[in-house]
Full PDB file with SEQRES, HELIX, SHEET, SSBOND, CRYST1, ORIGX, SCALE, CONECT and MASTER records, all heavy atoms in Angstrom:
SEQRES   1 A   32  PHE LEU ARG PHE ASP ARG LEU ALA GLY THR ALA LEU ALA          
SEQRES   2 A   32  GLY GLY MET ALA ALA LEU VAL MET ALA TYR LEU ILE ARG          
SEQRES   3 A   32  PHE LEU ARG VAL ALA TRP                                      
HELIX    1 AA1 LEU A    2  ALA A    8  1                                   7    
HELIX    2 AA2 MET A   16  ALA A   31  1                                  16    
CRYST1    1.000    1.000    1.000  90.00  90.00  90.00 P 1           1          
ORIGX1      1.000000  0.000000  0.000000        0.00000                         
ORIGX2      0.000000  1.000000  0.000000        0.00000                         
ORIGX3      0.000000  0.000000  1.000000        0.00000                         
SCALE1      1.000000  0.000000  0.000000        0.00000                         
SCALE2      0.000000  1.000000  0.000000        0.00000                         
SCALE3      0.000000  0.000000  1.000000        0.00000                         
ATOM      1  N   PHE A   1      81.262 102.403 131.760  1.00  0.00           N  
ATOM      2  CA  PHE A   1      79.939 101.784 131.636  1.00  0.00           C  
ATOM      3  C   PHE A   1      79.053 102.083 132.881  1.00  0.00           C  
ATOM      4  O   PHE A   1      77.865 102.296 132.794  1.00  0.00           O  
ATOM      5  CB  PHE A   1      79.998 100.271 131.405  1.00  0.00           C  
ATOM      6  CG  PHE A   1      80.088  99.890 129.968  1.00  0.00           C  
ATOM      7  CD1 PHE A   1      81.257  99.920 129.283  1.00  0.00           C  
ATOM      8  CD2 PHE A   1      78.930  99.537 129.322  1.00  0.00           C  
ATOM      9  CE1 PHE A   1      81.323  99.574 127.955  1.00  0.00           C  
ATOM     10  CE2 PHE A   1      78.945  99.203 127.928  1.00  0.00           C  
ATOM     11  CZ  PHE A   1      80.182  99.195 127.261  1.00  0.00           C  
ATOM     12  N   LEU A   2      79.700 102.075 134.072  1.00  0.00           N  
ATOM     13  CA  LEU A   2      78.939 102.392 135.287  1.00  0.00           C  
ATOM     14  C   LEU A   2      78.466 103.836 135.271  1.00  0.00           C  
ATOM     15  O   LEU A   2      77.306 104.123 135.658  1.00  0.00           O  
ATOM     16  CB  LEU A   2      79.824 102.151 136.532  1.00  0.00           C  
ATOM     17  CG  LEU A   2      80.074 100.692 136.888  1.00  0.00           C  
ATOM     18  CD1 LEU A   2      81.148 100.593 138.019  1.00  0.00           C  
ATOM     19  CD2 LEU A   2      78.808 100.004 137.335  1.00  0.00           C  
ATOM     20  N   ARG A   3      79.265 104.767 134.798  1.00  0.00           N  
ATOM     21  CA  ARG A   3      78.829 106.149 134.708  1.00  0.00           C  
ATOM     22  C   ARG A   3      77.714 106.269 133.666  1.00  0.00           C  
ATOM     23  O   ARG A   3      76.734 107.006 133.895  1.00  0.00           O  
ATOM     24  CB  ARG A   3      80.028 107.040 134.364  1.00  0.00           C  
ATOM     25  CG  ARG A   3      79.656 108.529 134.150  1.00  0.00           C  
ATOM     26  CD  ARG A   3      80.878 109.395 134.188  1.00  0.00           C  
ATOM     27  NE  ARG A   3      81.573 109.327 135.456  1.00  0.00           N  
ATOM     28  CZ  ARG A   3      82.629 110.089 135.739  1.00  0.00           C  
ATOM     29  NH1 ARG A   3      83.113 110.960 134.852  1.00  0.00           N  
ATOM     30  NH2 ARG A   3      83.230 109.966 136.922  1.00  0.00           N  
ATOM     31  N   PHE A   4      77.846 105.559 132.556  1.00  0.00           N  
ATOM     32  CA  PHE A   4      76.769 105.635 131.536  1.00  0.00           C  
ATOM     33  C   PHE A   4      75.520 105.014 132.103  1.00  0.00           C  
ATOM     34  O   PHE A   4      74.405 105.532 131.835  1.00  0.00           O  
ATOM     35  CB  PHE A   4      77.222 104.844 130.289  1.00  0.00           C  
ATOM     36  CG  PHE A   4      76.190 104.832 129.202  1.00  0.00           C  
ATOM     37  CD1 PHE A   4      75.995 105.898 128.326  1.00  0.00           C  
ATOM     38  CD2 PHE A   4      75.368 103.709 129.027  1.00  0.00           C  
ATOM     39  CE1 PHE A   4      75.043 105.878 127.367  1.00  0.00           C  
ATOM     40  CE2 PHE A   4      74.368 103.679 128.054  1.00  0.00           C  
ATOM     41  CZ  PHE A   4      74.246 104.775 127.203  1.00  0.00           C  
ATOM     42  N   ASP A   5      75.621 103.914 132.875  1.00  0.00           N  
ATOM     43  CA  ASP A   5      74.431 103.321 133.421  1.00  0.00           C  
ATOM     44  C   ASP A   5      73.721 104.268 134.428  1.00  0.00           C  
ATOM     45  O   ASP A   5      72.469 104.319 134.513  1.00  0.00           O  
ATOM     46  CB  ASP A   5      74.806 102.009 134.137  1.00  0.00           C  
ATOM     47  CG  ASP A   5      75.146 100.919 133.166  1.00  0.00           C  
ATOM     48  OD1 ASP A   5      74.752 101.015 131.984  1.00  0.00           O  
ATOM     49  OD2 ASP A   5      75.789  99.933 133.592  1.00  0.00           O  
ATOM     50  N   ARG A   6      74.489 105.035 135.184  1.00  0.00           N  
ATOM     51  CA  ARG A   6      73.880 105.981 136.143  1.00  0.00           C  
ATOM     52  C   ARG A   6      73.156 107.099 135.396  1.00  0.00           C  
ATOM     53  O   ARG A   6      72.123 107.585 135.866  1.00  0.00           O  
ATOM     54  CB  ARG A   6      74.944 106.521 137.043  1.00  0.00           C  
ATOM     55  CG  ARG A   6      75.398 105.580 138.169  1.00  0.00           C  
ATOM     56  CD  ARG A   6      76.096 106.333 139.254  1.00  0.00           C  
ATOM     57  NE  ARG A   6      77.367 106.972 138.784  1.00  0.00           N  
ATOM     58  CZ  ARG A   6      78.557 106.350 138.852  1.00  0.00           C  
ATOM     59  NH1 ARG A   6      78.658 105.114 139.400  1.00  0.00           N  
ATOM     60  NH2 ARG A   6      79.614 106.970 138.420  1.00  0.00           N  
ATOM     61  N   LEU A   7      73.687 107.504 134.289  1.00  0.00           N  
ATOM     62  CA  LEU A   7      73.113 108.645 133.519  1.00  0.00           C  
ATOM     63  C   LEU A   7      71.871 108.153 132.715  1.00  0.00           C  
ATOM     64  O   LEU A   7      70.874 108.869 132.624  1.00  0.00           O  
ATOM     65  CB  LEU A   7      74.150 109.232 132.573  1.00  0.00           C  
ATOM     66  CG  LEU A   7      75.312 110.002 133.271  1.00  0.00           C  
ATOM     67  CD1 LEU A   7      76.292 110.471 132.202  1.00  0.00           C  
ATOM     68  CD2 LEU A   7      74.806 111.145 134.117  1.00  0.00           C  
ATOM     69  N   ALA A   8      72.017 106.971 132.135  1.00  0.00           N  
ATOM     70  CA  ALA A   8      70.947 106.460 131.214  1.00  0.00           C  
ATOM     71  C   ALA A   8      69.965 105.522 131.906  1.00  0.00           C  
ATOM     72  O   ALA A   8      68.930 105.171 131.325  1.00  0.00           O  
ATOM     73  CB  ALA A   8      71.581 105.784 130.023  1.00  0.00           C  
ATOM     74  N   GLY A   9      70.249 105.093 133.119  1.00  0.00           N  
ATOM     75  CA  GLY A   9      69.380 104.174 133.804  1.00  0.00           C  
ATOM     76  C   GLY A   9      69.367 102.779 133.272  1.00  0.00           C  
ATOM     77  O   GLY A   9      68.396 102.036 133.390  1.00  0.00           O  
ATOM     78  N   THR A  10      70.516 102.326 132.685  1.00  0.00           N  
ATOM     79  CA  THR A  10      70.657 101.003 132.098  1.00  0.00           C  
ATOM     80  C   THR A  10      71.504 100.129 132.995  1.00  0.00           C  
ATOM     81  O   THR A  10      71.959 100.579 134.097  1.00  0.00           O  
ATOM     82  CB  THR A  10      71.278 101.088 130.693  1.00  0.00           C  
ATOM     83  OG1 THR A  10      72.554 101.793 130.783  1.00  0.00           O  
ATOM     84  CG2 THR A  10      70.385 101.858 129.766  1.00  0.00           C  
ATOM     85  N   ALA A  11      71.766  98.916 132.547  1.00  0.00           N  
ATOM     86  CA  ALA A  11      72.634  98.007 133.316  1.00  0.00           C  
ATOM     87  C   ALA A  11      73.554  97.278 132.363  1.00  0.00           C  
ATOM     88  O   ALA A  11      73.631  96.054 132.314  1.00  0.00           O  
ATOM     89  CB  ALA A  11      71.752  96.972 134.065  1.00  0.00           C  
ATOM     90  N   LEU A  12      74.320  98.073 131.596  1.00  0.00           N  
ATOM     91  CA  LEU A  12      75.223  97.500 130.621  1.00  0.00           C  
ATOM     92  C   LEU A  12      76.523  97.062 131.226  1.00  0.00           C  
ATOM     93  O   LEU A  12      77.261  96.215 130.623  1.00  0.00           O  
ATOM     94  CB  LEU A  12      75.499  98.562 129.525  1.00  0.00           C  
ATOM     95  CG  LEU A  12      74.299  98.949 128.699  1.00  0.00           C  
ATOM     96  CD1 LEU A  12      74.714 100.045 127.682  1.00  0.00           C  
ATOM     97  CD2 LEU A  12      73.690  97.762 127.939  1.00  0.00           C  
ATOM     98  N   ALA A  13      76.904  97.578 132.380  1.00  0.00           N  
ATOM     99  CA  ALA A  13      78.232  97.310 132.941  1.00  0.00           C  
ATOM    100  C   ALA A  13      78.399  95.829 133.307  1.00  0.00           C  
ATOM    101  O   ALA A  13      79.513  95.272 133.241  1.00  0.00           O  
ATOM    102  CB  ALA A  13      78.469  98.136 134.174  1.00  0.00           C  
ATOM    103  N   GLY A  14      77.325  95.141 133.668  1.00  0.00           N  
ATOM    104  CA  GLY A  14      77.421  93.744 134.043  1.00  0.00           C  
ATOM    105  C   GLY A  14      77.008  92.795 132.939  1.00  0.00           C  
ATOM    106  O   GLY A  14      76.768  91.622 133.186  1.00  0.00           O  
ATOM    107  N   GLY A  15      76.875  93.273 131.740  1.00  0.00           N  
ATOM    108  CA  GLY A  15      76.361  92.397 130.649  1.00  0.00           C  
ATOM    109  C   GLY A  15      77.384  92.113 129.586  1.00  0.00           C  
ATOM    110  O   GLY A  15      78.590  92.371 129.766  1.00  0.00           O  
ATOM    111  N   MET A  16      76.910  91.550 128.504  1.00  0.00           N  
ATOM    112  CA  MET A  16      77.785  91.098 127.436  1.00  0.00           C  
ATOM    113  C   MET A  16      78.336  92.272 126.654  1.00  0.00           C  
ATOM    114  O   MET A  16      79.466  92.152 126.080  1.00  0.00           O  
ATOM    115  CB  MET A  16      76.961  90.209 126.503  1.00  0.00           C  
ATOM    116  CG  MET A  16      77.744  89.486 125.440  1.00  0.00           C  
ATOM    117  SD  MET A  16      76.700  88.261 124.567  1.00  0.00           S  
ATOM    118  CE  MET A  16      77.912  87.663 123.367  1.00  0.00           C  
ATOM    119  N   ALA A  17      77.668  93.426 126.600  1.00  0.00           N  
ATOM    120  CA  ALA A  17      78.140  94.556 125.814  1.00  0.00           C  
ATOM    121  C   ALA A  17      79.468  95.033 126.340  1.00  0.00           C  
ATOM    122  O   ALA A  17      80.374  95.393 125.547  1.00  0.00           O  
ATOM    123  CB  ALA A  17      77.092  95.653 125.887  1.00  0.00           C  
ATOM    124  N   ALA A  18      79.675  95.072 127.659  1.00  0.00           N  
ATOM    125  CA  ALA A  18      80.950  95.565 128.251  1.00  0.00           C  
ATOM    126  C   ALA A  18      82.075  94.580 127.873  1.00  0.00           C  
ATOM    127  O   ALA A  18      83.213  95.071 127.555  1.00  0.00           O  
ATOM    128  CB  ALA A  18      80.817  95.671 129.766  1.00  0.00           C  
ATOM    129  N   LEU A  19      81.843  93.278 127.888  1.00  0.00           N  
ATOM    130  CA  LEU A  19      82.875  92.317 127.527  1.00  0.00           C  
ATOM    131  C   LEU A  19      83.260  92.437 126.074  1.00  0.00           C  
ATOM    132  O   LEU A  19      84.463  92.408 125.714  1.00  0.00           O  
ATOM    133  CB  LEU A  19      82.392  90.927 127.917  1.00  0.00           C  
ATOM    134  CG  LEU A  19      82.458  90.524 129.332  1.00  0.00           C  
ATOM    135  CD1 LEU A  19      81.824  89.190 129.570  1.00  0.00           C  
ATOM    136  CD2 LEU A  19      83.879  90.528 129.911  1.00  0.00           C  
ATOM    137  N   VAL A  20      82.250  92.536 125.193  1.00  0.00           N  
ATOM    138  CA  VAL A  20      82.523  92.641 123.739  1.00  0.00           C  
ATOM    139  C   VAL A  20      83.328  93.968 123.464  1.00  0.00           C  
ATOM    140  O   VAL A  20      84.229  93.967 122.677  1.00  0.00           O  
ATOM    141  CB  VAL A  20      81.238  92.591 122.981  1.00  0.00           C  
ATOM    142  CG1 VAL A  20      81.496  92.843 121.453  1.00  0.00           C  
ATOM    143  CG2 VAL A  20      80.600  91.196 123.131  1.00  0.00           C  
ATOM    144  N   MET A  21      82.926  95.017 124.141  1.00  0.00           N  
ATOM    145  CA  MET A  21      83.636  96.284 124.019  1.00  0.00           C  
ATOM    146  C   MET A  21      85.112  96.140 124.507  1.00  0.00           C  
ATOM    147  O   MET A  21      86.005  96.666 123.836  1.00  0.00           O  
ATOM    148  CB  MET A  21      82.963  97.375 124.806  1.00  0.00           C  
ATOM    149  CG  MET A  21      83.621  98.746 124.729  1.00  0.00           C  
ATOM    150  SD  MET A  21      83.593  99.411 123.069  1.00  0.00           S  
ATOM    151  CE  MET A  21      81.863  99.807 122.899  1.00  0.00           C  
ATOM    152  N   ALA A  22      85.326  95.436 125.568  1.00  0.00           N  
ATOM    153  CA  ALA A  22      86.672  95.208 126.076  1.00  0.00           C  
ATOM    154  C   ALA A  22      87.501  94.394 125.032  1.00  0.00           C  
ATOM    155  O   ALA A  22      88.662  94.694 124.779  1.00  0.00           O  
ATOM    156  CB  ALA A  22      86.608  94.445 127.391  1.00  0.00           C  
ATOM    157  N   TYR A  23      86.912  93.368 124.436  1.00  0.00           N  
ATOM    158  CA  TYR A  23      87.564  92.600 123.413  1.00  0.00           C  
ATOM    159  C   TYR A  23      87.935  93.484 122.211  1.00  0.00           C  
ATOM    160  O   TYR A  23      89.041  93.355 121.675  1.00  0.00           O  
ATOM    161  CB  TYR A  23      86.726  91.416 122.934  1.00  0.00           C  
ATOM    162  CG  TYR A  23      86.537  90.295 123.920  1.00  0.00           C  
ATOM    163  CD1 TYR A  23      85.450  89.463 123.925  1.00  0.00           C  
ATOM    164  CD2 TYR A  23      87.560  90.037 124.870  1.00  0.00           C  
ATOM    165  CE1 TYR A  23      85.309  88.421 124.807  1.00  0.00           C  
ATOM    166  CE2 TYR A  23      87.433  88.962 125.743  1.00  0.00           C  
ATOM    167  CZ  TYR A  23      86.283  88.196 125.712  1.00  0.00           C  
ATOM    168  OH  TYR A  23      86.168  87.162 126.597  1.00  0.00           O  
ATOM    169  N   LEU A  24      86.978  94.333 121.838  1.00  0.00           N  
ATOM    170  CA  LEU A  24      87.216  95.199 120.662  1.00  0.00           C  
ATOM    171  C   LEU A  24      88.373  96.131 120.899  1.00  0.00           C  
ATOM    172  O   LEU A  24      89.257  96.285 120.053  1.00  0.00           O  
ATOM    173  CB  LEU A  24      85.926  95.916 120.353  1.00  0.00           C  
ATOM    174  CG  LEU A  24      86.000  96.954 119.205  1.00  0.00           C  
ATOM    175  CD1 LEU A  24      86.363  96.266 117.881  1.00  0.00           C  
ATOM    176  CD2 LEU A  24      84.719  97.719 119.062  1.00  0.00           C  
ATOM    177  N   ILE A  25      88.389  96.755 122.084  1.00  0.00           N  
ATOM    178  CA  ILE A  25      89.462  97.697 122.373  1.00  0.00           C  
ATOM    179  C   ILE A  25      90.797  96.968 122.539  1.00  0.00           C  
ATOM    180  O   ILE A  25      91.825  97.475 122.064  1.00  0.00           O  
ATOM    181  CB  ILE A  25      89.124  98.527 123.644  1.00  0.00           C  
ATOM    182  CG1 ILE A  25      87.836  99.352 123.398  1.00  0.00           C  
ATOM    183  CG2 ILE A  25      90.266  99.410 124.029  1.00  0.00           C  
ATOM    184  CD1 ILE A  25      87.383 100.050 124.647  1.00  0.00           C  
ATOM    185  N   ARG A  26      90.763  95.816 123.148  1.00  0.00           N  
ATOM    186  CA  ARG A  26      92.000  95.117 123.435  1.00  0.00           C  
ATOM    187  C   ARG A  26      92.666  94.492 122.186  1.00  0.00           C  
ATOM    188  O   ARG A  26      93.877  94.537 122.050  1.00  0.00           O  
ATOM    189  CB  ARG A  26      91.678  93.996 124.469  1.00  0.00           C  
ATOM    190  CG  ARG A  26      92.822  93.100 124.830  1.00  0.00           C  
ATOM    191  CD  ARG A  26      93.839  93.861 125.637  1.00  0.00           C  
ATOM    192  NE  ARG A  26      94.841  92.944 126.218  1.00  0.00           N  
ATOM    193  CZ  ARG A  26      95.970  93.354 126.833  1.00  0.00           C  
ATOM    194  NH1 ARG A  26      96.187  94.639 126.932  1.00  0.00           N  
ATOM    195  NH2 ARG A  26      96.793  92.505 127.334  1.00  0.00           N  
ATOM    196  N   PHE A  27      91.824  93.915 121.308  1.00  0.00           N  
ATOM    197  CA  PHE A  27      92.401  93.131 120.204  1.00  0.00           C  
ATOM    198  C   PHE A  27      92.167  93.748 118.822  1.00  0.00           C  
ATOM    199  O   PHE A  27      92.330  93.020 117.810  1.00  0.00           O  
ATOM    200  CB  PHE A  27      91.750  91.735 120.227  1.00  0.00           C  
ATOM    201  CG  PHE A  27      92.065  90.951 121.454  1.00  0.00           C  
ATOM    202  CD1 PHE A  27      91.105  90.720 122.418  1.00  0.00           C  
ATOM    203  CD2 PHE A  27      93.380  90.465 121.722  1.00  0.00           C  
ATOM    204  CE1 PHE A  27      91.379  90.016 123.600  1.00  0.00           C  
ATOM    205  CE2 PHE A  27      93.644  89.778 122.881  1.00  0.00           C  
ATOM    206  CZ  PHE A  27      92.677  89.577 123.819  1.00  0.00           C  
ATOM    207  N   LEU A  28      91.822  95.011 118.783  1.00  0.00           N  
ATOM    208  CA  LEU A  28      91.650  95.629 117.464  1.00  0.00           C  
ATOM    209  C   LEU A  28      93.000  95.674 116.702  1.00  0.00           C  
ATOM    210  O   LEU A  28      93.033  95.452 115.467  1.00  0.00           O  
ATOM    211  CB  LEU A  28      91.186  97.117 117.685  1.00  0.00           C  
ATOM    212  CG  LEU A  28      90.930  97.886 116.392  1.00  0.00           C  
ATOM    213  CD1 LEU A  28      89.865  97.238 115.518  1.00  0.00           C  
ATOM    214  CD2 LEU A  28      90.497  99.333 116.721  1.00  0.00           C  
ATOM    215  N   ARG A  29      94.077  95.887 117.382  1.00  0.00           N  
ATOM    216  CA  ARG A  29      95.390  95.824 116.756  1.00  0.00           C  
ATOM    217  C   ARG A  29      95.684  94.457 116.147  1.00  0.00           C  
ATOM    218  O   ARG A  29      96.254  94.342 115.036  1.00  0.00           O  
ATOM    219  CB  ARG A  29      96.474  96.219 117.780  1.00  0.00           C  
ATOM    220  CG  ARG A  29      97.914  95.837 117.391  1.00  0.00           C  
ATOM    221  CD  ARG A  29      98.391  96.674 116.205  1.00  0.00           C  
ATOM    222  NE  ARG A  29      98.412  98.072 116.472  1.00  0.00           N  
ATOM    223  CZ  ARG A  29      98.797  98.996 115.551  1.00  0.00           C  
ATOM    224  NH1 ARG A  29      99.145  98.620 114.351  1.00  0.00           N  
ATOM    225  NH2 ARG A  29      98.811 100.310 115.922  1.00  0.00           N  
ATOM    226  N   VAL A  30      95.306  93.408 116.832  1.00  0.00           N  
ATOM    227  CA  VAL A  30      95.528  92.052 116.355  1.00  0.00           C  
ATOM    228  C   VAL A  30      94.807  91.790 115.043  1.00  0.00           C  
ATOM    229  O   VAL A  30      95.278  91.058 114.196  1.00  0.00           O  
ATOM    230  CB  VAL A  30      95.133  91.001 117.440  1.00  0.00           C  
ATOM    231  CG1 VAL A  30      95.400  89.579 116.979  1.00  0.00           C  
ATOM    232  CG2 VAL A  30      95.870  91.250 118.730  1.00  0.00           C  
ATOM    233  N   ALA A  31      93.644  92.360 114.886  1.00  0.00           N  
ATOM    234  CA  ALA A  31      92.878  92.194 113.640  1.00  0.00           C  
ATOM    235  C   ALA A  31      93.372  93.133 112.548  1.00  0.00           C  
ATOM    236  O   ALA A  31      93.433  92.770 111.361  1.00  0.00           O  
ATOM    237  CB  ALA A  31      91.367  92.404 113.904  1.00  0.00           C  
ATOM    238  N   TRP A  32      93.670  94.365 112.902  1.00  0.00           N  
ATOM    239  CA  TRP A  32      94.084  95.353 111.945  1.00  0.00           C  
ATOM    240  C   TRP A  32      95.452  95.004 111.300  1.00  0.00           C  
ATOM    241  O   TRP A  32      95.704  95.200 110.193  1.00  0.00           O  
ATOM    242  CB  TRP A  32      94.116  96.735 112.586  1.00  0.00           C  
ATOM    243  CG  TRP A  32      94.452  97.880 111.650  1.00  0.00           C  
ATOM    244  CD1 TRP A  32      94.230  97.909 110.304  1.00  0.00           C  
ATOM    245  CD2 TRP A  32      95.038  99.094 112.007  1.00  0.00           C  
ATOM    246  NE1 TRP A  32      94.681  99.093 109.781  1.00  0.00           N  
ATOM    247  CE2 TRP A  32      95.198  99.840 110.772  1.00  0.00           C  
ATOM    248  CE3 TRP A  32      95.545  99.666 113.166  1.00  0.00           C  
ATOM    249  CZ2 TRP A  32      95.776 101.114 110.777  1.00  0.00           C  
ATOM    250  CZ3 TRP A  32      96.105 100.884 113.155  1.00  0.00           C  
ATOM    251  CH2 TRP A  32      96.237 101.661 111.987  1.00  0.00           C  
TER     252      TRP A  32                                                      
MASTER        0    0    0    2    0    0    0    6  251    1    0    3          
END                                                                             
């Protein structure tokens, strides 16, 4: 997210999107 923020000029690394993405990657197996 930090690399994406540097390229796109955004601030997603410190927001809710990064946490939701972490939950999705971490617990996808638990739902599937």
